[in-house]
Amino acid sequence: MKFPTKLRYSLRLLIEIKNSDGTLTLSQASKKTKISEGYLKQLASVLEKNNIIKGKKGPKGGYLIANPDVSLKELVDIFSGGVQLAPCIDENYRCSIVDTCPATDMWHNLNDNINKLFYDIKLKGF
């Protein structure tokens, strides 16, 4: 499993905003993260829409963290649709051996454990 670029870059942006004194502009974030300002603008829009950051206008404007308790799981859900290690994790998926497959329970347990781990990792811990 590989995290999408949007998720990885969003984490970098969030950590920079969290660790800034006050607000952080996208121009400042771009310099710190080496991610283009245009791409950061796209990410910030998604993060703001999901109430993870909030924009502040004016001379001391920029972005602030709105939800320091946001979890890695929430970000994974936003940017990659969640963790799904195998097709049989999806309740709408039906394969011909789903009821007798010896690996189905293992996939469900592993998926649940990863989701719990991701939920326990919070932005405020960085």
Protein backbone atom coordinates (compact mmCIF):
# COMPACT_ATOMS: atom_id res chain seq x y z
CA MET A 1 0.00 0.00 0.00
CA LYS A 2 1.35 3.39 -0.97
CA PHE A 3 -0.11 6.67 0.22
CA PRO A 4 -1.13 9.08 -2.55
CA THR A 5 0.87 12.26 -3.06
CA LYS A 6 -2.08 14.42 -1.96
CA LEU A 7 -2.11 12.71 1.43
CA ARG A 8 1.65 12.88 1.92
CA TYR A 9 1.85 16.53 0.88
CA SER A 10 -1.19 17.43 3.00
CA LEU A 11 0.55 15.97 6.04
CA ARG A 12 3.65 18.06 5.30
CA LEU A 13 1.48 21.18 4.96
CA LEU A 14 -0.43 20.46 8.16
CA ILE A 15 2.74 19.89 10.17
CA GLU A 16 4.19 23.19 8.91
CA ILE A 17 0.98 25.06 9.78
CA LYS A 18 0.85 23.41 13.19
CA ASN A 19 4.46 24.27 13.97
CA SER A 20 4.24 27.88 12.80
CA ASP A 21 3.88 30.83 15.15
CA GLY A 22 0.40 32.06 14.29
CA THR A 23 -0.72 31.73 10.70
CA LEU A 24 1.20 30.35 7.76
CA THR A 25 0.71 31.58 4.20
CA LEU A 26 0.87 29.18 1.29
CA SER A 27 3.88 31.11 -0.01
CA GLN A 28 5.71 30.45 3.27
CA ALA A 29 4.55 26.84 3.27
CA SER A 30 5.76 26.39 -0.29
CA LYS A 31 9.25 27.53 0.64
CA LYS A 32 9.36 25.25 3.68
CA THR A 33 7.89 22.15 2.04
CA LYS A 34 9.31 22.57 -1.49
CA ILE A 35 5.77 21.99 -2.83
CA SER A 36 4.39 24.43 -5.39
CA GLU A 37 2.06 27.09 -4.07
CA GLY A 38 -0.57 26.11 -6.64
CA TYR A 39 -0.62 22.50 -5.44
CA LEU A 40 -0.75 23.63 -1.82
CA LYS A 41 -3.74 25.83 -2.68
CA GLN A 42 -5.60 22.76 -3.96
CA LEU A 43 -4.76 20.81 -0.81
CA ALA A 44 -5.64 23.72 1.48
CA SER A 45 -9.04 23.98 -0.20
CA VAL A 46 -9.81 20.33 0.59
CA LEU A 47 -8.47 20.65 4.15
CA GLU A 48 -10.48 23.81 4.77
CA LYS A 49 -13.65 22.24 3.32
CA ASN A 50 -13.19 19.38 5.81
CA ASN A 51 -12.67 21.78 8.76
CA ILE A 52 -9.09 20.71 9.37
CA ILE A 53 -7.60 24.15 8.71
CA LYS A 54 -9.12 27.60 8.54
CA GLY A 55 -8.04 30.58 6.52
CA LYS A 56 -7.55 34.00 8.04
CA LYS A 57 -7.62 37.09 5.83
CA GLY A 58 -5.72 40.32 6.29
CA PRO A 59 -2.14 41.47 6.81
CA LYS A 60 -1.43 38.66 9.25
CA GLY A 61 -3.47 36.20 7.26
CA GLY A 62 -2.75 32.65 6.33
CA TYR A 63 -3.88 29.29 7.63
CA LEU A 64 -4.36 27.96 11.14
CA ILE A 65 -5.12 24.46 12.36
CA ALA A 66 -8.85 24.20 13.06
CA ASN A 67 -8.76 20.60 14.29
CA PRO A 68 -5.55 19.49 16.04
CA ASP A 69 -7.27 16.19 16.88
CA VAL A 70 -7.55 15.19 13.22
CA SER A 71 -6.31 11.65 12.81
CA LEU A 72 -4.29 10.04 10.09
CA LYS A 73 -7.33 7.83 9.43
CA GLU A 74 -9.48 10.88 8.69
CA LEU A 75 -6.86 12.19 6.27
CA VAL A 76 -6.53 8.78 4.61
CA ASP A 77 -10.32 8.70 4.22
CA ILE A 78 -10.36 12.20 2.68
CA PHE A 79 -7.46 11.74 0.27
CA SER A 80 -7.60 8.07 -0.63
CA GLY A 81 -11.05 6.82 0.28
CA GLY A 82 -9.87 4.80 3.28
CA VAL A 83 -7.83 1.67 3.81
CA GLN A 84 -8.93 -1.41 1.95
CA LEU A 85 -6.27 -4.09 1.82
CA ALA A 86 -8.27 -6.62 -0.16
CA PRO A 87 -11.44 -6.50 -2.27
CA CYS A 88 -13.29 -8.74 0.19
CA ILE A 89 -13.11 -5.99 2.83
CA ASP A 90 -15.78 -4.12 0.87
CA GLU A 91 -19.21 -5.32 2.01
CA ASN A 92 -20.56 -4.84 -1.53
CA TYR A 93 -17.93 -7.15 -3.02
CA ARG A 94 -18.91 -10.74 -3.55
CA CYS A 95 -16.51 -13.34 -4.76
CA SER A 96 -17.45 -16.94 -5.29
CA ILE A 97 -15.62 -18.19 -2.17
CA VAL A 98 -16.12 -15.31 0.27
CA ASP A 99 -18.05 -17.52 2.72
CA THR A 100 -15.43 -20.27 2.76
CA CYS A 101 -12.20 -18.35 2.14
CA PRO A 102 -9.68 -19.02 4.91
CA ALA A 103 -8.06 -15.57 4.48
CA THR A 104 -11.16 -13.35 4.75
CA ASP A 105 -11.03 -13.03 8.55
CA MET A 106 -7.31 -12.25 8.44
CA TRP A 107 -7.89 -9.44 5.91
CA HIS A 108 -10.70 -7.99 8.01
CA ASN A 109 -8.64 -8.14 11.21
CA LEU A 110 -5.58 -6.62 9.57
CA ASN A 111 -7.66 -3.87 7.99
CA ASP A 112 -9.34 -3.10 11.34
CA ASN A 113 -5.98 -2.96 13.14
CA ILE A 114 -4.51 -0.60 10.57
CA ASN A 115 -7.55 1.66 10.82
CA LYS A 116 -7.25 1.71 14.61
CA LEU A 117 -3.55 2.54 14.38
CA PHE A 118 -4.24 5.32 11.89
CA TYR A 119 -7.03 6.67 14.10
CA ASP A 120 -4.67 6.83 17.10
CA ILE A 121 -2.13 8.95 15.18
CA LYS A 122 -3.21 12.57 15.66
CA LEU A 123 -1.84 15.76 14.13
CA LYS A 124 -1.27 17.25 17.59
CA GLY A 125 1.30 14.50 18.23
CA PHE A 126 3.68 15.79 15.56
